[in-house]
Amino acid sequence: MTLRHLETKRGRRLAYVKTNGSGPTVVFLGGLRSDMEGTKALHLETWAQANGQSFLRFDYSGHGISSGDFEDGSVAEWAEDAVDMLGAVTEGPLVLVGSSMGGWVSLMVAKSLGPRVAGLVTVAAAPDFTEDEWWAGFSEQQRRTLQRDGRLELPSDYDDGPYVVTLKLIEDSRRILVFDEPLELPMPVRFLHGTGDEVVPTTLALRLLDYAEGSDMRLTLVDGADHRFSTPDCLALITRTVEEVVERSKRGA
C-alpha cells in the first residue's frame, strides 16, 4: 500500500492509495473540502485490508495533497477527477461509497461508467447542493457579492474555517445537476442518512429515493446521527452496508 499520483489528461495530479485484493473494487468518494485521510475512508480501508478486498481512496484536485487550488474547482471537475482516476487505476466492477458531496459525485460516476458500477452506497448524499441549498438559500446581498467578487465566505459548522463559495463552483456545477435529468440506478443502491444532519436535510434523502429509478434501492435513516456519520455505530453500519452491496453485486454479475 503506497501513496501514488496520477497525472490526468486534464493536467491534474491526483494523489491516491490503492489496496489490492479481490473485486469488486470499493471506492471511497469524499465530501467537499475533505480528503482521503478522513475517518470513513480510513475505516473502510482497514476493513478492506482485513478482508482482502480491493479498495481505493484518493483526493480530488484542490483537495488534500492533490494538485490545484480548491477555489479553482467545481463539483463537475471533481466528478471528472473521479472518472479519470477510476479509468486509469481500476479494472472490472466497482462499488462506490460517496459521502456528502461524494454522494453527488458517485451518481455522476455511475452515469458515466455505466455497467462498471456494480453497487452504490451513499452517506448523507448531497446532490445539487450548490444550487438547491446554497444558491436558492442566498440572500440578494449574498448573490450580488458573489457575482461582484466571484467568491463568498460562508460560516462552517466545523473547525476548519469558513466555506469559500466561488461563482465558478455555482455556475460550473450546474452542468451536472442530478434532478434535471432522469436518474437510473440499476445496481444495488443503499442511501444512509442521519436525522440529526443539520448540513444536508433528510428531506433530500427522501427526494433522492423517490426520484431515482432502480429495482434494488433502500434508504436507512439513523436517529440522531449528524452529518459526519462517523460514530462507532455509524461506521459499523457503513461497513455492513458496503458488505451487503458487495455481496449483492457479486450475485448480480
Protein backbone atom coordinates (compact mmCIF):
# COMPACT_ATOMS: atom_id res chain seq x y z
CA MET A 1 0.00 0.00 0.00
CA THR A 2 1.81 3.09 -1.30
CA LEU A 3 0.90 6.69 -1.91
CA ARG A 4 0.85 7.27 -5.65
CA HIS A 5 -0.04 10.06 -8.05
CA LEU A 6 -1.97 10.04 -11.30
CA GLU A 7 -1.26 12.64 -13.97
CA THR A 8 -4.60 13.05 -15.73
CA LYS A 9 -5.23 14.08 -19.30
CA ARG A 10 -6.66 17.33 -17.92
CA GLY A 11 -3.31 18.24 -16.35
CA ARG A 12 -4.26 17.43 -12.78
CA ARG A 13 -2.01 15.46 -10.42
CA LEU A 14 -4.21 13.34 -8.18
CA ALA A 15 -2.97 11.53 -5.08
CA TYR A 16 -4.32 8.06 -4.32
CA VAL A 17 -3.78 4.93 -2.28
CA LYS A 18 -4.95 1.57 -3.60
CA THR A 19 -5.31 -1.64 -1.63
CA ASN A 20 -5.02 -4.74 -3.80
CA GLY A 21 -7.49 -7.54 -3.26
CA SER A 22 -10.49 -9.31 -4.72
CA GLY A 23 -13.15 -7.44 -6.63
CA PRO A 24 -15.29 -5.54 -6.91
CA THR A 25 -13.10 -2.55 -6.08
CA VAL A 26 -14.68 -0.44 -3.33
CA VAL A 27 -14.05 3.25 -3.99
CA PHE A 28 -14.45 5.98 -1.38
CA LEU A 29 -15.53 9.38 -2.73
CA GLY A 30 -15.10 12.11 -0.14
CA GLY A 31 -17.01 15.27 0.56
CA LEU A 32 -16.39 18.94 -0.04
CA ARG A 33 -13.00 20.04 1.34
CA SER A 34 -12.41 16.60 2.85
CA ASP A 35 -9.52 14.34 1.91
CA MET A 36 -8.59 10.68 1.73
CA GLU A 37 -7.30 10.73 5.32
CA GLY A 38 -10.80 11.13 6.73
CA THR A 39 -12.33 8.81 9.31
CA LYS A 40 -14.68 6.99 6.94
CA ALA A 41 -12.06 6.50 4.23
CA LEU A 42 -9.51 5.04 6.63
CA HIS A 43 -12.13 2.92 8.37
CA LEU A 44 -13.14 1.33 5.07
CA GLU A 45 -9.51 0.83 4.11
CA THR A 46 -8.88 -1.08 7.35
CA TRP A 47 -11.94 -3.21 6.65
CA ALA A 48 -10.77 -3.87 3.08
CA GLN A 49 -7.30 -4.90 4.21
CA ALA A 50 -8.72 -7.28 6.80
CA ASN A 51 -10.98 -8.90 4.22
CA GLY A 52 -8.73 -8.99 1.18
CA GLN A 53 -10.96 -6.51 -0.64
CA SER A 54 -9.72 -4.23 -3.40
CA PHE A 55 -10.11 -0.63 -2.22
CA LEU A 56 -9.29 2.86 -3.49
CA ARG A 57 -9.22 6.26 -1.80
CA PHE A 58 -7.99 9.47 -3.45
CA ASP A 59 -8.02 13.25 -3.31
CA TYR A 60 -9.86 15.38 -5.86
CA SER A 61 -7.91 18.26 -7.37
CA GLY A 62 -7.73 21.14 -4.89
CA HIS A 63 -8.22 18.70 -2.01
CA GLY A 64 -5.72 17.02 0.30
CA ILE A 65 -2.35 16.54 -1.38
CA SER A 66 -3.55 16.57 -4.98
CA SER A 67 -2.59 19.47 -7.22
CA GLY A 68 -4.65 22.60 -7.70
CA ASP A 69 -6.41 25.19 -5.60
CA PHE A 70 -9.80 24.44 -4.08
CA GLU A 71 -11.21 27.77 -5.22
CA ASP A 72 -10.43 26.94 -8.85
CA GLY A 73 -12.58 23.80 -8.84
CA SER A 74 -16.19 22.71 -9.11
CA VAL A 75 -18.22 19.58 -8.45
CA ALA A 76 -18.26 18.92 -12.20
CA GLU A 77 -14.45 18.95 -12.29
CA TRP A 78 -14.18 16.73 -9.19
CA ALA A 79 -16.52 14.25 -10.86
CA GLU A 80 -14.16 14.34 -13.86
CA ASP A 81 -11.28 13.58 -11.50
CA ALA A 82 -13.14 10.54 -10.20
CA VAL A 83 -13.89 9.21 -13.69
CA ASP A 84 -10.27 9.77 -14.77
CA MET A 85 -8.94 8.07 -11.64
CA LEU A 86 -11.18 5.01 -11.97
CA GLY A 87 -10.46 4.66 -15.65
CA ALA A 88 -6.71 4.73 -15.04
CA VAL A 89 -6.10 2.70 -11.88
CA THR A 90 -9.00 0.23 -11.59
CA GLU A 91 -10.34 -2.65 -13.63
CA GLY A 92 -13.59 -4.54 -13.52
CA PRO A 93 -16.67 -3.86 -11.39
CA LEU A 94 -16.82 -1.08 -8.81
CA VAL A 95 -18.79 -0.41 -5.64
CA LEU A 96 -18.87 3.34 -4.99
CA VAL A 97 -19.16 4.80 -1.50
CA GLY A 98 -19.94 8.51 -1.71
CA SER A 99 -20.00 10.78 1.34
CA SER A 100 -21.87 14.12 1.24
CA MET A 101 -20.68 15.83 -1.96
CA GLY A 102 -19.12 12.47 -2.81
CA GLY A 103 -22.65 11.11 -2.99
CA TRP A 104 -23.34 13.58 -5.80
CA VAL A 105 -20.04 12.64 -7.46
CA SER A 106 -20.87 8.94 -7.17
CA LEU A 107 -24.13 9.46 -9.04
CA MET A 108 -22.25 11.19 -11.86
CA VAL A 109 -19.63 8.44 -11.95
CA ALA A 110 -22.36 5.80 -12.12
CA LYS A 111 -23.89 7.64 -15.04
CA SER A 112 -20.55 7.95 -16.82
CA LEU A 113 -19.21 4.43 -16.25
CA GLY A 114 -22.49 2.59 -16.64
CA PRO A 115 -22.26 -1.20 -16.15
CA ARG A 116 -18.88 -0.99 -14.42
CA VAL A 117 -20.63 0.39 -11.34
CA ALA A 118 -21.97 -2.76 -9.71
CA GLY A 119 -23.12 -1.16 -6.46
CA LEU A 120 -23.60 2.20 -4.77
CA VAL A 121 -23.63 3.35 -1.15
CA THR A 122 -24.11 6.99 -0.18
CA VAL A 123 -23.66 8.60 3.23
CA ALA A 124 -25.52 11.89 3.73
CA ALA A 125 -25.59 12.37 -0.03
CA ALA A 126 -25.83 15.99 -1.15
CA PRO A 127 -26.72 16.09 -4.86
CA ASP A 128 -27.30 19.57 -6.32
CA PHE A 129 -26.44 21.27 -3.01
CA THR A 130 -24.70 24.15 -4.78
CA GLU A 131 -27.97 25.05 -6.48
CA ASP A 132 -30.77 23.92 -4.18
CA GLU A 133 -29.16 24.58 -0.80
CA TRP A 134 -26.66 27.38 -1.48
CA TRP A 135 -27.83 29.46 -4.44
CA ALA A 136 -31.52 29.07 -3.59
CA GLY A 137 -30.81 29.97 0.03
CA PHE A 138 -28.61 33.01 -0.60
CA SER A 139 -29.97 36.45 0.14
CA GLU A 140 -29.98 39.03 -2.63
CA GLN A 141 -26.98 40.67 -0.94
CA GLN A 142 -25.05 37.39 -0.93
CA ARG A 143 -25.83 36.81 -4.60
CA ARG A 144 -24.66 40.31 -5.50
CA THR A 145 -21.45 39.80 -3.52
CA LEU A 146 -20.79 36.51 -5.25
CA GLN A 147 -21.42 37.94 -8.70
CA ARG A 148 -19.32 41.04 -7.96
CA ASP A 149 -16.36 39.42 -6.22
CA GLY A 150 -16.52 35.91 -7.65
CA ARG A 151 -16.42 34.45 -4.12
CA LEU A 152 -18.42 34.39 -0.91
CA GLU A 153 -17.46 33.17 2.55
CA LEU A 154 -19.98 31.06 4.46
CA PRO A 155 -19.67 30.00 8.10
CA SER A 156 -18.72 26.36 8.68
CA ASP A 157 -20.09 24.01 11.32
CA TYR A 158 -16.60 22.60 11.74
CA ASP A 159 -13.25 23.97 12.89
CA ASP A 160 -11.55 24.39 9.53
CA GLY A 161 -12.64 27.94 8.82
CA PRO A 162 -15.40 29.34 6.58
CA TYR A 163 -16.54 27.73 3.36
CA VAL A 164 -15.45 29.77 0.37
CA VAL A 165 -18.10 29.55 -2.34
CA THR A 166 -16.95 30.70 -5.75
CA LEU A 167 -19.09 31.81 -8.66
CA LYS A 168 -17.38 29.09 -10.71
CA LEU A 169 -18.42 26.45 -8.18
CA ILE A 170 -22.05 27.50 -8.55
CA GLU A 171 -22.15 28.01 -12.30
CA ASP A 172 -19.96 25.11 -13.45
CA SER A 173 -21.71 22.62 -11.21
CA ARG A 174 -24.99 23.41 -12.97
CA ARG A 175 -23.91 21.19 -15.86
CA ILE A 176 -24.20 18.05 -13.71
CA LEU A 177 -27.36 18.71 -11.69
CA VAL A 178 -28.91 15.39 -10.73
CA PHE A 179 -32.55 16.42 -10.58
CA ASP A 180 -32.54 17.95 -14.06
CA GLU A 181 -32.42 14.60 -15.87
CA PRO A 182 -33.71 11.05 -15.31
CA LEU A 183 -31.63 9.11 -12.79
CA GLU A 184 -31.48 5.38 -13.47
CA LEU A 185 -29.63 3.26 -10.90
CA PRO A 186 -29.91 -0.37 -11.99
CA MET A 187 -27.38 -1.62 -9.42
CA PRO A 188 -27.90 -2.34 -5.68
CA VAL A 189 -28.16 1.09 -4.02
CA ARG A 190 -28.17 1.97 -0.32
CA PHE A 191 -28.65 5.52 0.94
CA LEU A 192 -27.62 6.24 4.56
CA HIS A 193 -28.59 9.46 6.32
CA GLY A 194 -28.80 10.81 9.86
CA THR A 195 -31.89 12.54 11.20
CA GLY A 196 -29.61 14.90 13.13
CA ASP A 197 -27.86 16.10 9.98
CA GLU A 198 -28.00 19.91 10.04
CA VAL A 199 -25.96 20.27 6.84
CA VAL A 200 -27.94 18.10 4.44
CA PRO A 201 -31.61 17.68 5.41
CA THR A 202 -33.26 14.27 5.44
CA THR A 203 -35.83 15.67 3.00
CA LEU A 204 -33.10 15.50 0.35
CA ALA A 205 -32.54 11.80 1.06
CA LEU A 206 -36.26 11.15 0.68
CA ARG A 207 -36.35 13.19 -2.52
CA LEU A 208 -33.42 11.22 -3.95
CA LEU A 209 -35.03 7.88 -3.10
CA ASP A 210 -38.28 8.97 -4.73
CA TYR A 211 -36.60 10.46 -7.80
CA ALA A 212 -34.14 7.70 -8.72
CA GLU A 213 -35.25 4.68 -10.73
CA GLY A 214 -33.98 1.27 -9.67
CA SER A 215 -35.15 -2.16 -8.58
CA ASP A 216 -32.91 -2.50 -5.51
CA MET A 217 -32.81 0.78 -3.59
CA ARG A 218 -33.16 1.37 0.14
CA LEU A 219 -32.85 4.36 2.44
CA THR A 220 -31.73 3.90 6.05
CA LEU A 221 -32.29 6.81 8.45
CA VAL A 222 -30.27 6.77 11.67
CA ASP A 223 -31.96 8.59 14.53
CA GLY A 224 -29.85 11.50 15.77
CA ALA A 225 -26.81 10.86 13.57
CA ASP A 226 -25.15 14.07 12.37
CA HIS A 227 -23.56 14.93 9.04
CA ARG A 228 -20.19 13.42 9.91
CA PHE A 229 -21.82 10.00 10.34
CA SER A 230 -18.61 8.80 12.00
CA THR A 231 -19.57 7.43 15.40
CA PRO A 232 -18.63 3.78 16.01
CA ASP A 233 -22.22 2.73 15.36
CA CYS A 234 -22.39 4.73 12.12
CA LEU A 235 -19.07 3.36 10.91
CA ALA A 236 -20.23 -0.17 11.68
CA LEU A 237 -23.42 0.49 9.69
CA ILE A 238 -21.40 1.74 6.74
CA THR A 239 -19.28 -1.40 6.84
CA ARG A 240 -22.28 -3.73 7.00
CA THR A 241 -23.95 -1.85 4.17
CA VAL A 242 -20.88 -1.98 1.94
CA GLU A 243 -20.51 -5.70 2.66
CA GLU A 244 -24.14 -6.26 1.69
CA VAL A 245 -23.81 -4.32 -1.55
CA VAL A 246 -20.54 -6.09 -2.44
CA GLU A 247 -22.21 -9.48 -1.99
CA ARG A 248 -25.33 -8.47 -3.94
CA SER A 249 -23.15 -7.08 -6.74
CA LYS A 250 -21.35 -10.42 -7.00
CA ARG A 251 -24.64 -12.32 -7.25
CA GLY A 252 -25.79 -9.98 -9.99
CA ALA A 253 -22.60 -10.30 -12.04
